Amino acid sequence: MKKIVILSLFLVTMLFMQCRKHEPAPTNNLIVGNWNWVSTSGGLAGVYETPENTGKIIFVEFGPEGIFRMMIDGQMVRECKYTISNGANTEDAMQQVMYSDSTMSQTIYFKDLGYLILTDMVSDGFTYEYKRAQ
């Protein structure tokens, strides 16, 4: 009888362990690649910028080795390390990218696998949209 009780407790414990929520899969593999800037919007002034209205061509790369690079009109303007982490609210599966040269992080969204949206983690921040480069 004692063995049955111990076995039952073990099985119930295993059952509860299997019912825990799982963390979302890291977005690292989805964000890795080259991205062409589509638009920037937001801020206190309600800015809306695109390549058409600024004349700028912005290209970003999230390298598989954890290096972020930004080029504006063919010139490197930023290069730093980046990391991906789960946000504070893992129920929403929000993930954040954090840069080694900044204290601000950005939330990562995908419209689809070829369309990246990064939003600043502040109330008056900006939203940056990119299309995957071919």
Protein backbone atom coordinates (compact mmCIF):
# COMPACT_ATOMS: atom_id res chain seq x y z
CA MET A 1 0.00 0.00 0.00
CA LYS A 2 2.87 2.36 0.85
CA LYS A 3 4.39 1.76 -2.62
CA ILE A 4 1.08 2.65 -4.30
CA VAL A 5 0.84 5.94 -2.37
CA ILE A 6 4.45 6.86 -3.25
CA LEU A 7 3.93 5.92 -6.88
CA SER A 8 0.69 7.97 -7.00
CA LEU A 9 2.44 11.03 -5.51
CA PHE A 10 5.24 10.66 -8.03
CA LEU A 11 2.79 10.46 -10.95
CA VAL A 12 0.78 13.46 -9.74
CA THR A 13 3.99 15.48 -9.34
CA MET A 14 5.08 14.58 -12.87
CA LEU A 15 1.65 15.53 -14.21
CA PHE A 16 1.87 19.02 -12.65
CA MET A 17 5.38 19.52 -13.96
CA GLN A 18 4.17 18.80 -17.49
CA CYS A 19 1.37 21.38 -17.18
CA ARG A 20 3.67 24.36 -16.61
CA LYS A 21 3.67 27.09 -19.20
CA HIS A 22 6.58 26.91 -21.58
CA GLU A 23 8.60 29.98 -22.43
CA PRO A 24 8.28 31.11 -26.03
CA ALA A 25 11.01 30.01 -28.40
CA PRO A 26 13.76 32.61 -28.78
CA THR A 27 13.31 34.96 -31.69
CA ASN A 28 17.06 35.04 -32.39
CA ASN A 29 16.82 32.83 -35.45
CA LEU A 30 13.97 34.91 -36.91
CA ILE A 31 15.60 38.30 -36.43
CA VAL A 32 18.99 37.21 -37.79
CA GLY A 33 19.55 38.62 -41.23
CA ASN A 34 19.57 41.82 -43.23
CA TRP A 35 16.70 44.29 -43.11
CA ASN A 36 15.77 47.32 -45.24
CA TRP A 37 14.15 50.25 -43.46
CA VAL A 38 10.50 50.92 -44.36
CA SER A 39 9.42 53.59 -41.86
CA THR A 40 9.86 55.22 -38.47
CA SER A 41 6.89 56.64 -36.60
CA GLY A 42 6.04 57.98 -33.17
CA GLY A 43 7.61 60.29 -30.63
CA LEU A 44 6.02 63.33 -29.03
CA ALA A 45 5.80 65.13 -32.38
CA GLY A 46 4.12 62.23 -34.20
CA VAL A 47 6.99 61.76 -36.64
CA TYR A 48 6.48 59.63 -39.75
CA GLU A 49 9.59 59.07 -41.83
CA THR A 50 10.17 56.84 -44.84
CA PRO A 51 12.93 56.51 -47.44
CA GLU A 52 10.70 58.53 -49.79
CA ASN A 53 10.24 61.56 -47.54
CA THR A 54 13.77 61.59 -46.05
CA GLY A 55 15.88 60.46 -48.99
CA LYS A 56 17.70 58.06 -46.63
CA ILE A 57 18.44 54.42 -47.29
CA ILE A 58 18.80 52.60 -43.96
CA PHE A 59 19.96 49.02 -43.74
CA VAL A 60 20.34 46.99 -40.53
CA GLU A 61 21.88 43.61 -39.88
CA PHE A 62 21.34 41.30 -36.93
CA GLY A 63 24.26 38.91 -37.25
CA PRO A 64 24.10 35.32 -35.99
CA GLU A 65 27.16 36.07 -33.83
CA GLY A 66 25.18 38.72 -31.89
CA ILE A 67 26.49 41.82 -33.69
CA PHE A 68 24.09 44.58 -34.78
CA ARG A 69 25.09 46.90 -37.63
CA MET A 70 23.32 49.93 -39.07
CA MET A 71 24.19 51.63 -42.34
CA ILE A 72 22.70 54.92 -43.50
CA ASP A 73 23.27 55.81 -47.14
CA GLY A 74 26.05 53.23 -47.34
CA GLN A 75 27.97 54.43 -44.27
CA MET A 76 28.29 52.42 -41.05
CA VAL A 77 26.75 54.53 -38.27
CA ARG A 78 26.36 51.92 -35.55
CA GLU A 79 27.90 48.59 -34.62
CA CYS A 80 27.40 46.91 -31.27
CA LYS A 81 26.48 43.62 -29.62
CA TYR A 82 22.84 42.67 -29.18
CA THR A 83 20.98 40.10 -27.10
CA ILE A 84 17.44 38.79 -27.24
CA SER A 85 15.53 38.18 -24.02
CA ASN A 86 12.00 37.44 -22.93
CA GLY A 87 10.11 40.50 -21.84
CA ALA A 88 8.60 40.94 -18.41
CA ASN A 89 5.26 39.67 -19.69
CA THR A 90 6.03 36.22 -21.11
CA GLU A 91 2.31 35.43 -21.40
CA ASP A 92 2.22 37.78 -24.38
CA ALA A 93 5.37 36.10 -25.76
CA MET A 94 6.94 39.53 -26.11
CA GLN A 95 10.66 39.46 -26.64
CA GLN A 96 13.12 42.30 -26.49
CA VAL A 97 16.34 43.16 -28.22
CA MET A 98 18.92 44.92 -26.07
CA TYR A 99 21.98 46.68 -27.44
CA SER A 100 25.36 46.92 -25.70
CA ASP A 101 25.71 50.64 -26.50
CA SER A 102 22.29 51.69 -25.14
CA THR A 103 20.17 51.32 -22.04
CA MET A 104 16.95 51.28 -24.07
CA SER A 105 15.54 48.02 -25.37
CA GLN A 106 13.01 47.38 -28.12
CA THR A 107 10.11 44.96 -28.35
CA ILE A 108 10.22 42.59 -31.32
CA TYR A 109 7.18 41.88 -33.50
CA PHE A 110 6.85 40.20 -36.87
CA LYS A 111 3.99 40.93 -39.30
CA ASP A 112 5.29 37.88 -41.09
CA LEU A 113 8.72 36.26 -41.46
CA GLY A 114 9.77 39.00 -43.87
CA TYR A 115 8.52 42.07 -41.96
CA LEU A 116 10.14 43.16 -38.68
CA ILE A 117 8.73 45.77 -36.31
CA LEU A 118 10.80 47.13 -33.41
CA THR A 119 9.20 49.42 -30.83
CA ASP A 120 11.00 51.46 -28.19
CA MET A 121 10.12 50.44 -24.64
CA VAL A 122 9.02 53.94 -23.59
CA SER A 123 5.65 55.67 -23.85
CA ASP A 124 6.81 58.37 -26.28
CA GLY A 125 9.13 56.08 -28.22
CA PHE A 126 9.37 55.21 -31.87
CA THR A 127 8.31 52.25 -33.99
CA TYR A 128 10.72 51.09 -36.70
CA GLU A 129 9.58 48.87 -39.55
CA TYR A 130 11.84 46.81 -41.80
CA LYS A 131 11.48 44.37 -44.69
CA ARG A 132 13.87 41.43 -44.96
CA ALA A 133 16.50 42.14 -47.62
CA GLN A 134 16.58 39.71 -50.55
